Amino acid sequence: MKFKKPNKKSLRGRLSNDIERFLQRGGEITPVPKGLTGIEAKNGVPAALPELFTSPAKGKQQYLVDVVKRLDERKHSKHSRPAPPPKREPKKVAIYDDFGEVIRYEWQ
């Protein structure tokens, strides 16, 4: 038996029914102001702010365009990698007997 995923309409209906039952049983919904988080603050800095923006800058910042440009230059430079040596094709060499007649051919 294949399980069929519920569509958005049925999910919304089920959620609104759950909310109505919760409120009818005496439940209460308290709105939360924007910017608040359930994560506790550490060292006086709210945890809602990522550490990326609260910590001091590390090193020199570079524009992404310049970085990509250098990578492309390095990729297309002629000195980046030596050309591979040409492939040596096998040669057919005749093997002669004592009288100068060809016995067989070998590939070398």
PDB file of N, CA and C in Angstrom:
ATOM      1  N   MET A   1       0.841  -1.175   0.000  1.00  0.00           N
ATOM      2  CA  MET A   1       0.000   0.000   0.000  1.00  0.00           C
ATOM      3  C   MET A   1       0.889   1.243   0.000  1.00  0.00           C
ATOM      4  N   LYS A   2       0.601   2.144  -0.894  1.00  0.00           N
ATOM      5  CA  LYS A   2       1.407   3.345  -1.035  1.00  0.00           C
ATOM      6  C   LYS A   2       0.813   4.470  -0.196  1.00  0.00           C
ATOM      7  N   PHE A   3       1.681   5.163   0.553  1.00  0.00           N
ATOM      8  CA  PHE A   3       1.249   6.273   1.393  1.00  0.00           C
ATOM      9  C   PHE A   3       1.151   7.532   0.539  1.00  0.00           C
ATOM     10  N   LYS A   4       0.006   8.198   0.594  1.00  0.00           N
ATOM     11  CA  LYS A   4      -0.200   9.416  -0.179  1.00  0.00           C
ATOM     12  C   LYS A   4       0.034  10.627   0.724  1.00  0.00           C
ATOM     13  N   LYS A   5       0.894  11.540   0.261  1.00  0.00           N
ATOM     14  CA  LYS A   5       1.173  12.752   1.033  1.00  0.00           C
ATOM     15  C   LYS A   5      -0.056  13.651   1.050  1.00  0.00           C
ATOM     16  N   PRO A   6      -0.327  14.285   2.205  1.00  0.00           N
ATOM     17  CA  PRO A   6      -1.451  15.218   2.252  1.00  0.00           C
ATOM     18  C   PRO A   6      -1.093  16.504   1.508  1.00  0.00           C
ATOM     19  N   ASN A   7      -2.098  17.115   0.889  1.00  0.00           N
ATOM     20  CA  ASN A   7      -1.837  18.372   0.179  1.00  0.00           C
ATOM     21  C   ASN A   7      -1.917  19.546   1.154  1.00  0.00           C
ATOM     22  N   LYS A   8      -1.572  20.731   0.664  1.00  0.00           N
ATOM     23  CA  LYS A   8      -1.518  21.912   1.540  1.00  0.00           C
ATOM     24  C   LYS A   8      -2.886  22.262   2.121  1.00  0.00           C
ATOM     25  N   LYS A   9      -3.920  22.085   1.317  1.00  0.00           N
ATOM     26  CA  LYS A   9      -5.261  22.457   1.779  1.00  0.00           C
ATOM     27  C   LYS A   9      -5.681  21.610   2.980  1.00  0.00           C
ATOM     28  N   SER A  10      -5.418  20.304   2.905  1.00  0.00           N
ATOM     29  CA  SER A  10      -5.806  19.441   4.024  1.00  0.00           C
ATOM     30  C   SER A  10      -4.933  19.715   5.257  1.00  0.00           C
ATOM     31  N   LEU A  11      -3.655  20.030   5.041  1.00  0.00           N
ATOM     32  CA  LEU A  11      -2.781  20.358   6.180  1.00  0.00           C
ATOM     33  C   LEU A  11      -3.246  21.630   6.879  1.00  0.00           C
ATOM     34  N   ARG A  12      -3.600  22.642   6.080  1.00  0.00           N
ATOM     35  CA  ARG A  12      -4.082  23.898   6.672  1.00  0.00           C
ATOM     36  C   ARG A  12      -5.378  23.667   7.455  1.00  0.00           C
ATOM     37  N   GLY A  13      -6.281  22.865   6.884  1.00  0.00           N
ATOM     38  CA  GLY A  13      -7.545  22.569   7.565  1.00  0.00           C
ATOM     39  C   GLY A  13      -7.320  21.841   8.872  1.00  0.00           C
ATOM     40  N   ARG A  14      -6.413  20.849   8.856  1.00  0.00           N
ATOM     41  CA  ARG A  14      -6.121  20.095  10.076  1.00  0.00           C
ATOM     42  C   ARG A  14      -5.489  21.002  11.128  1.00  0.00           C
ATOM     43  N   LEU A  15      -4.583  21.886  10.700  1.00  0.00           N
ATOM     44  CA  LEU A  15      -3.933  22.798  11.635  1.00  0.00           C
ATOM     45  C   LEU A  15      -4.942  23.777  12.240  1.00  0.00           C
ATOM     46  N   SER A  16      -5.827  24.323  11.424  1.00  0.00           N
ATOM     47  CA  SER A  16      -6.818  25.254  11.973  1.00  0.00           C
ATOM     48  C   SER A  16      -7.783  24.541  12.923  1.00  0.00           C
ATOM     49  N   ASN A  17      -8.139  23.285  12.631  1.00  0.00           N
ATOM     50  CA  ASN A  17      -8.983  22.507  13.552  1.00  0.00           C
ATOM     51  C   ASN A  17      -8.262  22.265  14.875  1.00  0.00           C
ATOM     52  N   ASP A  18      -6.979  21.945  14.811  1.00  0.00           N
ATOM     53  CA  ASP A  18      -6.190  21.725  16.036  1.00  0.00           C
ATOM     54  C   ASP A  18      -6.122  22.997  16.879  1.00  0.00           C
ATOM     55  N   ILE A  19      -5.947  24.140  16.209  1.00  0.00           N
ATOM     56  CA  ILE A  19      -5.873  25.417  16.928  1.00  0.00           C
ATOM     57  C   ILE A  19      -7.213  25.716  17.601  1.00  0.00           C
ATOM     58  N   GLU A  20      -8.325  25.500  16.889  1.00  0.00           N
ATOM     59  CA  GLU A  20      -9.654  25.750  17.456  1.00  0.00           C
ATOM     60  C   GLU A  20      -9.909  24.868  18.675  1.00  0.00           C
ATOM     61  N   ARG A  21      -9.551  23.566  18.599  1.00  0.00           N
ATOM     62  CA  ARG A  21      -9.741  22.672  19.749  1.00  0.00           C
ATOM     63  C   ARG A  21      -8.889  23.118  20.926  1.00  0.00           C
ATOM     64  N   PHE A  22      -7.658  23.568  20.652  1.00  0.00           N
ATOM     65  CA  PHE A  22      -6.778  24.038  21.714  1.00  0.00           C
ATOM     66  C   PHE A  22      -7.380  25.251  22.412  1.00  0.00           C
ATOM     67  N   LEU A  23      -7.914  26.191  21.633  1.00  0.00           N
ATOM     68  CA  LEU A  23      -8.503  27.397  22.210  1.00  0.00           C
ATOM     69  C   LEU A  23      -9.795  27.077  22.967  1.00  0.00           C
ATOM     70  N   GLN A  24     -10.600  26.124  22.483  1.00  0.00           N
ATOM     71  CA  GLN A  24     -11.848  25.753  23.150  1.00  0.00           C
ATOM     72  C   GLN A  24     -11.594  25.070  24.488  1.00  0.00           C
ATOM     73  N   ARG A  25     -10.480  24.365  24.605  1.00  0.00           N
ATOM     74  CA  ARG A  25     -10.136  23.692  25.866  1.00  0.00           C
ATOM     75  C   ARG A  25      -9.536  24.663  26.884  1.00  0.00           C
ATOM     76  N   GLY A  26      -9.411  25.925  26.526  1.00  0.00           N
ATOM     77  CA  GLY A  26      -8.889  26.904  27.475  1.00  0.00           C
ATOM     78  C   GLY A  26      -7.445  27.281  27.200  1.00  0.00           C
ATOM     79  N   GLY A  27      -6.898  26.830  26.101  1.00  0.00           N
ATOM     80  CA  GLY A  27      -5.525  27.187  25.757  1.00  0.00           C
ATOM     81  C   GLY A  27      -5.414  28.650  25.380  1.00  0.00           C
ATOM     82  N   GLU A  28      -4.222  29.158  25.461  1.00  0.00           N
ATOM     83  CA  GLU A  28      -4.018  30.563  25.163  1.00  0.00           C
ATOM     84  C   GLU A  28      -2.802  30.711  24.260  1.00  0.00           C
ATOM     85  N   ILE A  29      -2.928  31.580  23.262  1.00  0.00           N
ATOM     86  CA  ILE A  29      -1.823  31.840  22.333  1.00  0.00           C
ATOM     87  C   ILE A  29      -1.264  33.207  22.658  1.00  0.00           C
ATOM     88  N   THR A  30       0.038  33.260  22.935  1.00  0.00           N
ATOM     89  CA  THR A  30       0.675  34.546  23.218  1.00  0.00           C
ATOM     90  C   THR A  30       1.567  34.907  22.035  1.00  0.00           C
ATOM     91  N   PRO A  31       1.374  36.086  21.469  1.00  0.00           N
ATOM     92  CA  PRO A  31       2.211  36.496  20.330  1.00  0.00           C
ATOM     93  C   PRO A  31       3.641  36.794  20.801  1.00  0.00           C
ATOM     94  N   VAL A  32       4.584  36.491  19.959  1.00  0.00           N
ATOM     95  CA  VAL A  32       6.000  36.730  20.253  1.00  0.00           C
ATOM     96  C   VAL A  32       6.466  37.875  19.365  1.00  0.00           C
ATOM     97  N   PRO A  33       7.069  38.916  19.952  1.00  0.00           N
ATOM     98  CA  PRO A  33       7.543  40.040  19.140  1.00  0.00           C
ATOM     99  C   PRO A  33       8.665  39.608  18.194  1.00  0.00           C
ATOM    100  N   LYS A  34       8.782  40.339  17.098  1.00  0.00           N
ATOM    101  CA  LYS A  34       9.834  40.035  16.132  1.00  0.00           C
ATOM    102  C   LYS A  34      11.201  40.214  16.767  1.00  0.00           C
ATOM    103  N   GLY A  35      12.140  39.389  16.374  1.00  0.00           N
ATOM    104  CA  GLY A  35      13.513  39.513  16.849  1.00  0.00           C
ATOM    105  C   GLY A  35      13.829  38.705  18.081  1.00  0.00           C
ATOM    106  N   LEU A  36      12.819  38.206  18.802  1.00  0.00           N
ATOM    107  CA  LEU A  36      13.082  37.383  19.979  1.00  0.00           C
ATOM    108  C   LEU A  36      13.329  35.944  19.560  1.00  0.00           C
ATOM    109  N   THR A  37      14.098  35.257  20.371  1.00  0.00           N
ATOM    110  CA  THR A  37      14.411  33.870  20.076  1.00  0.00           C
ATOM    111  C   THR A  37      14.328  33.047  21.347  1.00  0.00           C
ATOM    112  N   GLY A  38      14.168  31.769  21.199  1.00  0.00           N
ATOM    113  CA  GLY A  38      14.141  30.874  22.347  1.00  0.00           C
ATOM    114  C   GLY A  38      15.536  30.489  22.798  1.00  0.00           C
ATOM    115  N   ILE A  39      16.526  30.789  22.000  1.00  0.00           N
ATOM    116  CA  ILE A  39      17.909  30.461  22.342  1.00  0.00           C
ATOM    117  C   ILE A  39      18.424  31.535  23.286  1.00  0.00           C
ATOM    118  N   GLU A  40      19.099  31.091  24.326  1.00  0.00           N
ATOM    119  CA  GLU A  40      19.600  32.046  25.322  1.00  0.00           C
ATOM    120  C   GLU A  40      20.790  32.825  24.780  1.00  0.00           C
ATOM    121  N   ALA A  41      20.946  34.050  25.308  1.00  0.00           N
ATOM    122  CA  ALA A  41      22.068  34.888  24.915  1.00  0.00           C
ATOM    123  C   ALA A  41      23.333  34.420  25.620  1.00  0.00           C
ATOM    124  N   LYS A  42      24.468  34.536  24.951  1.00  0.00           N
ATOM    125  CA  LYS A  42      25.729  34.215  25.607  1.00  0.00           C
ATOM    126  C   LYS A  42      26.649  35.427  25.528  1.00  0.00           C
ATOM    127  N   ASN A  43      27.286  35.729  26.594  1.00  0.00           N
ATOM    128  CA  ASN A  43      28.190  36.870  26.721  1.00  0.00           C
ATOM    129  C   ASN A  43      27.496  38.192  26.394  1.00  0.00           C
ATOM    130  N   GLY A  44      26.216  38.288  26.690  1.00  0.00           N
ATOM    131  CA  GLY A  44      25.496  39.534  26.474  1.00  0.00           C
ATOM    132  C   GLY A  44      25.067  39.773  25.046  1.00  0.00           C
ATOM    133  N   VAL A  45      25.448  38.889  24.110  1.00  0.00           N
ATOM    134  CA  VAL A  45      25.063  39.054  22.706  1.00  0.00           C
ATOM    135  C   VAL A  45      23.895  38.126  22.434  1.00  0.00           C
ATOM    136  N   PRO A  46      22.781  38.644  21.933  1.00  0.00           N
ATOM    137  CA  PRO A  46      21.640  37.767  21.664  1.00  0.00           C
ATOM    138  C   PRO A  46      22.027  36.672  20.661  1.00  0.00           C
ATOM    139  N   ALA A  47      21.529  35.478  20.911  1.00  0.00           N
ATOM    140  CA  ALA A  47      21.885  34.348  20.065  1.00  0.00           C
ATOM    141  C   ALA A  47      21.222  34.435  18.701  1.00  0.00           C
ATOM    142  N   ALA A  48      20.222  35.307  18.539  1.00  0.00           N
ATOM    143  CA  ALA A  48      19.557  35.441  17.248  1.00  0.00           C
ATOM    144  C   ALA A  48      20.514  36.002  16.205  1.00  0.00           C
ATOM    145  N   LEU A  49      21.513  36.771  16.658  1.00  0.00           N
ATOM    146  CA  LEU A  49      22.495  37.312  15.727  1.00  0.00           C
ATOM    147  C   LEU A  49      23.575  36.256  15.485  1.00  0.00           C
ATOM    148  N   PRO A  50      23.848  35.935  14.256  1.00  0.00           N
ATOM    149  CA  PRO A  50      24.875  34.938  14.003  1.00  0.00           C
ATOM    150  C   PRO A  50      26.260  35.443  14.403  1.00  0.00           C
ATOM    151  N   GLU A  51      27.116  34.517  14.765  1.00  0.00           N
ATOM    152  CA  GLU A  51      28.479  34.866  15.177  1.00  0.00           C
ATOM    153  C   GLU A  51      29.245  35.526  14.045  1.00  0.00           C
ATOM    154  N   LEU A  52      28.816  35.300  12.830  1.00  0.00           N
ATOM    155  CA  LEU A  52      29.487  35.858  11.669  1.00  0.00           C
ATOM    156  C   LEU A  52      29.540  37.372  11.741  1.00  0.00           C
ATOM    157  N   PHE A  53      28.467  37.980  12.217  1.00  0.00           N
ATOM    158  CA  PHE A  53      28.396  39.431  12.222  1.00  0.00           C
ATOM    159  C   PHE A  53      28.803  40.047  13.547  1.00  0.00           C
ATOM    160  N   THR A  54      28.941  39.269  14.611  1.00  0.00           N
ATOM    161  CA  THR A  54      29.297  39.829  15.905  1.00  0.00           C
ATOM    162  C   THR A  54      30.773  39.662  16.224  1.00  0.00           C
ATOM    163  N   SER A  55      31.437  38.701  15.562  1.00  0.00           N
ATOM    164  CA  SER A  55      32.856  38.492  15.831  1.00  0.00           C
ATOM    165  C   SER A  55      33.684  39.468  14.999  1.00  0.00           C
ATOM    166  N   PRO A  56      34.907  39.773  15.445  1.00  0.00           N
ATOM    167  CA  PRO A  56      35.744  40.687  14.664  1.00  0.00           C
ATOM    168  C   PRO A  56      36.140  40.051  13.330  1.00  0.00           C
ATOM    169  N   ALA A  57      36.417  40.911  12.354  1.00  0.00           N
ATOM    170  CA  ALA A  57      36.785  40.429  11.018  1.00  0.00           C
ATOM    171  C   ALA A  57      38.105  39.661  11.087  1.00  0.00           C
ATOM    172  N   LYS A  58      38.170  38.584  10.336  1.00  0.00           N
ATOM    173  CA  LYS A  58      39.386  37.770  10.312  1.00  0.00           C
ATOM    174  C   LYS A  58      40.071  37.956   8.971  1.00  0.00           C
ATOM    175  N   GLY A  59      41.265  38.512   8.985  1.00  0.00           N
ATOM    176  CA  GLY A  59      42.035  38.645   7.752  1.00  0.00           C
ATOM    177  C   GLY A  59      41.490  39.721   6.825  1.00  0.00           C
ATOM    178  N   LYS A  60      42.080  39.742   5.638  1.00  0.00           N
ATOM    179  CA  LYS A  60      41.713  40.737   4.643  1.00  0.00           C
ATOM    180  C   LYS A  60      40.526  40.231   3.833  1.00  0.00           C
ATOM    181  N   GLN A  61      39.546  41.084   3.631  1.00  0.00           N
ATOM    182  CA  GLN A  61      38.386  40.682   2.844  1.00  0.00           C
ATOM    183  C   GLN A  61      38.684  40.881   1.368  1.00  0.00           C
ATOM    184  N   GLN A  62      38.146  39.999   0.535  1.00  0.00           N
ATOM    185  CA  GLN A  62      38.369  40.075  -0.901  1.00  0.00           C
ATOM    186  C   GLN A  62      37.025  40.015  -1.609  1.00  0.00           C
ATOM    187  N   TYR A  63      36.959  40.716  -2.725  1.00  0.00           N
ATOM    188  CA  TYR A  63      35.758  40.635  -3.529  1.00  0.00           C
ATOM    189  C   TYR A  63      35.736  39.306  -4.269  1.00  0.00           C
ATOM    190  N   LEU A  64      34.588  38.706  -4.347  1.00  0.00           N
ATOM    191  CA  LEU A  64      34.439  37.411  -5.002  1.00  0.00           C
ATOM    192  C   LEU A  64      34.791  37.498  -6.482  1.00  0.00           C
ATOM    193  N   VAL A  65      34.497  38.623  -7.116  1.00  0.00           N
ATOM    194  CA  VAL A  65      34.796  38.795  -8.540  1.00  0.00           C
ATOM    195  C   VAL A  65      36.303  38.680  -8.775  1.00  0.00           C
ATOM    196  N   ASP A  66      37.094  39.300  -7.880  1.00  0.00           N
ATOM    197  CA  ASP A  66      38.550  39.235  -8.025  1.00  0.00           C
ATOM    198  C   ASP A  66      39.072  37.823  -7.821  1.00  0.00           C
ATOM    199  N   VAL A  67      38.502  37.097  -6.879  1.00  0.00           N
ATOM    200  CA  VAL A  67      38.939  35.734  -6.614  1.00  0.00           C
ATOM    201  C   VAL A  67      38.654  34.850  -7.823  1.00  0.00           C
ATOM    202  N   VAL A  68      37.470  34.974  -8.390  1.00  0.00           N
ATOM    203  CA  VAL A  68      37.105  34.170  -9.555  1.00  0.00           C
ATOM    204  C   VAL A  68      37.984  34.530 -10.742  1.00  0.00           C
ATOM    205  N   LYS A  69      38.289  35.800 -10.891  1.00  0.00           N
ATOM    206  CA  LYS A  69      39.148  36.245 -11.993  1.00  0.00           C
ATOM    207  C   LYS A  69      40.533  35.613 -11.889  1.00  0.00           C
ATOM    208  N   ARG A  70      41.105  35.592 -10.670  1.00  0.00           N
ATOM    209  CA  ARG A  70      42.425  34.971 -10.490  1.00  0.00           C
ATOM    210  C   ARG A  70      42.388  33.478 -10.760  1.00  0.00           C
ATOM    211  N   LEU A  71      41.303  32.823 -10.330  1.00  0.00           N
ATOM    212  CA  LEU A  71      41.183  31.388 -10.589  1.00  0.00           C
ATOM    213  C   LEU A  71      41.097  31.107 -12.088  1.00  0.00           C
ATOM    214  N   ASP A  72      40.348  31.929 -12.808  1.00  0.00           N
ATOM    215  CA  ASP A  72      40.253  31.743 -14.260  1.00  0.00           C
ATOM    216  C   ASP A  72      41.591  31.977 -14.937  1.00  0.00           C
ATOM    217  N   GLU A  73      42.320  32.997 -14.499  1.00  0.00           N
ATOM    218  CA  GLU A  73      43.639  33.255 -15.077  1.00  0.00           C
ATOM    219  C   GLU A  73      44.575  32.083 -14.835  1.00  0.00           C
ATOM    220  N   ARG A  74      44.532  31.547 -13.639  1.00  0.00           N
ATOM    221  CA  ARG A  74      45.390  30.405 -13.319  1.00  0.00           C
ATOM    222  C   ARG A  74      44.989  29.179 -14.129  1.00  0.00           C
ATOM    223  N   LYS A  75      43.693  29.021 -14.336  1.00  0.00           N
ATOM    224  CA  LYS A  75      43.209  27.865 -15.083  1.00  0.00           C
ATOM    225  C   LYS A  75      43.619  27.941 -16.555  1.00  0.00           C
ATOM    226  N   HIS A  76      43.610  29.160 -17.118  1.00  0.00           N
ATOM    227  CA  HIS A  76      43.911  29.315 -18.534  1.00  0.00           C
ATOM    228  C   HIS A  76      45.363  29.672 -18.823  1.00  0.00           C
ATOM    229  N   SER A  77      46.200  29.749 -17.803  1.00  0.00           N
ATOM    230  CA  SER A  77      47.589  30.113 -18.052  1.00  0.00           C
ATOM    231  C   SER A  77      48.314  28.971 -18.771  1.00  0.00           C
ATOM    232  N   LYS A  78      49.284  29.325 -19.605  1.00  0.00           N
ATOM    233  CA  LYS A  78      49.998  28.324 -20.400  1.00  0.00           C
ATOM    234  C   LYS A  78      51.029  27.580 -19.566  1.00  0.00           C
ATOM    235  N   HIS A  79      51.437  28.144 -18.455  1.00  0.00           N
ATOM    236  CA  HIS A  79      52.486  27.539 -17.639  1.00  0.00           C
ATOM    237  C   HIS A  79      51.930  26.697 -16.500  1.00  0.00           C
ATOM    238  N   SER A  80      50.637  26.486 -16.495  1.00  0.00           N
ATOM    239  CA  SER A  80      50.052  25.784 -15.366  1.00  0.00           C
ATOM    240  C   SER A  80      50.438  24.307 -15.335  1.00  0.00           C
ATOM    241  N   ARG A  81      50.527  23.682 -16.510  1.00  0.00           N
ATOM    242  CA  ARG A  81      50.823  22.262 -16.534  1.00  0.00           C
ATOM    243  C   ARG A  81      51.539  21.929 -17.838  1.00  0.00           C
ATOM    244  N   PRO A  82      52.616  21.161 -17.801  1.00  0.00           N
ATOM    245  CA  PRO A  82      53.268  20.815 -19.059  1.00  0.00           C
ATOM    246  C   PRO A  82      52.394  19.857 -19.875  1.00  0.00           C
ATOM    247  N   ALA A  83      52.548  19.956 -21.184  1.00  0.00           N
ATOM    248  CA  ALA A  83      51.765  19.096 -22.063  1.00  0.00           C
ATOM    249  C   ALA A  83      52.232  17.649 -21.902  1.00  0.00           C
ATOM    250  N   PRO A  84      51.330  16.717 -21.960  1.00  0.00           N
ATOM    251  CA  PRO A  84      51.741  15.321 -21.837  1.00  0.00           C
ATOM    252  C   PRO A  84      52.553  14.896 -23.057  1.00  0.00           C
ATOM    253  N   PRO A  85      53.495  13.983 -22.867  1.00  0.00           N
ATOM    254  CA  PRO A  85      54.294  13.544 -24.018  1.00  0.00           C
ATOM    255  C   PRO A  85      53.407  12.829 -25.028  1.00  0.00           C
ATOM    256  N   PRO A  86      53.757  12.935 -26.312  1.00  0.00           N
ATOM    257  CA  PRO A  86      52.928  12.276 -27.320  1.00  0.00           C
ATOM    258  C   PRO A  86      52.923  10.766 -27.114  1.00  0.00           C
ATOM    259  N   LYS A  87      51.801  10.152 -27.404  1.00  0.00           N
ATOM    260  CA  LYS A  87      51.710   8.711 -27.236  1.00  0.00           C
ATOM    261  C   LYS A  87      52.535   8.018 -28.303  1.00  0.00           C
ATOM    262  N   ARG A  88      53.303   7.051 -27.865  1.00  0.00           N
ATOM    263  CA  ARG A  88      54.146   6.310 -28.795  1.00  0.00           C
ATOM    264  C   ARG A  88      53.338   5.151 -29.366  1.00  0.00           C
ATOM    265  N   GLU A  89      53.207   5.142 -30.663  1.00  0.00           N
ATOM    266  CA  GLU A  89      52.467   4.078 -31.322  1.00  0.00           C
ATOM    267  C   GLU A  89      53.328   2.818 -31.354  1.00  0.00           C
ATOM    268  N   PRO A  90      52.745   1.649 -31.187  1.00  0.00           N
ATOM    269  CA  PRO A  90      53.525   0.415 -31.278  1.00  0.00           C
ATOM    270  C   PRO A  90      54.016   0.205 -32.711  1.00  0.00           C
ATOM    271  N   LYS A  91      55.239  -0.323 -32.810  1.00  0.00           N
ATOM    272  CA  LYS A  91      55.830  -0.583 -34.121  1.00  0.00           C
ATOM    273  C   LYS A  91      55.850  -2.080 -34.391  1.00  0.00           C
ATOM    274  N   LYS A  92      55.625  -2.431 -35.629  1.00  0.00           N
ATOM    275  CA  LYS A  92      55.677  -3.823 -36.044  1.00  0.00           C
ATOM    276  C   LYS A  92      57.110  -4.114 -36.499  1.00  0.00           C
ATOM    277  N   VAL A  93      57.793  -5.053 -35.808  1.00  0.00           N
ATOM    278  CA  VAL A  93      59.200  -5.369 -36.085  1.00  0.00           C
ATOM    279  C   VAL A  93      59.300  -6.818 -36.554  1.00  0.00           C
ATOM    280  N   ALA A  94      60.035  -7.012 -37.645  1.00  0.00           N
ATOM    281  CA  ALA A  94      60.204  -8.368 -38.187  1.00  0.00           C
ATOM    282  C   ALA A  94      61.348  -9.070 -37.461  1.00  0.00           C
ATOM    283  N   ILE A  95      61.147 -10.339 -37.158  1.00  0.00           N
ATOM    284  CA  ILE A  95      62.184 -11.181 -36.556  1.00  0.00           C
ATOM    285  C   ILE A  95      62.672 -12.149 -37.661  1.00  0.00           C
ATOM    286  N   TYR A  96      64.004 -12.103 -37.878  1.00  0.00           N
ATOM    287  CA  TYR A  96      64.585 -12.893 -38.964  1.00  0.00           C
ATOM    288  C   TYR A  96      65.295 -14.132 -38.414  1.00  0.00           C
ATOM    289  N   ASP A  97      65.403 -15.178 -39.250  1.00  0.00           N
ATOM    290  CA  ASP A  97      66.169 -16.361 -38.869  1.00  0.00           C
ATOM    291  C   ASP A  97      67.610 -16.202 -39.366  1.00  0.00           C
ATOM    292  N   ASP A  98      68.421 -17.253 -39.235  1.00  0.00           N
ATOM    293  CA  ASP A  98      69.840 -17.178 -39.604  1.00  0.00           C
ATOM    294  C   ASP A  98      70.043 -16.960 -41.100  1.00  0.00           C
ATOM    295  N   PHE A  99      69.056 -17.258 -41.898  1.00  0.00           N
ATOM    296  CA  PHE A  99      69.210 -17.145 -43.345  1.00  0.00           C
ATOM    297  C   PHE A  99      68.608 -15.854 -43.892  1.00  0.00           C
ATOM    298  N   GLY A 100      68.091 -14.971 -43.004  1.00  0.00           N
ATOM    299  CA  GLY A 100      67.567 -13.679 -43.425  1.00  0.00           C
ATOM    300  C   GLY A 100      66.107 -13.695 -43.820  1.00  0.00           C
ATOM    301  N   GLU A 101      65.435 -14.784 -43.514  1.00  0.00           N
ATOM    302  CA  GLU A 101      64.019 -14.847 -43.843  1.00  0.00           C
ATOM    303  C   GLU A 101      63.188 -14.458 -42.597  1.00  0.00           C
ATOM    304  N   VAL A 102      62.064 -13.846 -42.831  1.00  0.00           N
ATOM    305  CA  VAL A 102      61.191 -13.411 -41.742  1.00  0.00           C
ATOM    306  C   VAL A 102      60.511 -14.599 -41.110  1.00  0.00           C
ATOM    307  N   ILE A 103      60.693 -14.752 -39.788  1.00  0.00           N
ATOM    308  CA  ILE A 103      60.025 -15.837 -39.065  1.00  0.00           C
ATOM    309  C   ILE A 103      58.665 -15.377 -38.587  1.00  0.00           C
ATOM    310  N   ARG A 104      58.651 -14.217 -37.934  1.00  0.00           N
ATOM    311  CA  ARG A 104      57.413 -13.680 -37.373  1.00  0.00           C
ATOM    312  C   ARG A 104      57.572 -12.171 -37.183  1.00  0.00           C
ATOM    313  N   TYR A 105      56.455 -11.562 -36.811  1.00  0.00           N
ATOM    314  CA  TYR A 105      56.449 -10.123 -36.515  1.00  0.00           C
ATOM    315  C   TYR A 105      56.082  -9.948 -35.038  1.00  0.00           C
ATOM    316  N   GLU A 106      56.741  -8.994 -34.390  1.00  0.00           N
ATOM    317  CA  GLU A 106      56.428  -8.634 -32.987  1.00  0.00           C
ATOM    318  C   GLU A 106      56.125  -7.155 -32.915  1.00  0.00           C
ATOM    319  N   TRP A 107      55.252  -6.819 -31.975  1.00  0.00           N
ATOM    320  CA  TRP A 107      54.928  -5.415 -31.747  1.00  0.00           C
ATOM    321  C   TRP A 107      55.760  -4.896 -30.588  1.00  0.00           C
ATOM    322  N   GLN A 108      56.438  -3.794 -30.825  1.00  0.00           N
ATOM    323  CA  GLN A 108      57.258  -3.187 -29.772  1.00  0.00           C
ATOM    324  C   GLN A 108      56.852  -1.745 -29.575  1.00  0.00           C
TER     325      GLN A 108
END
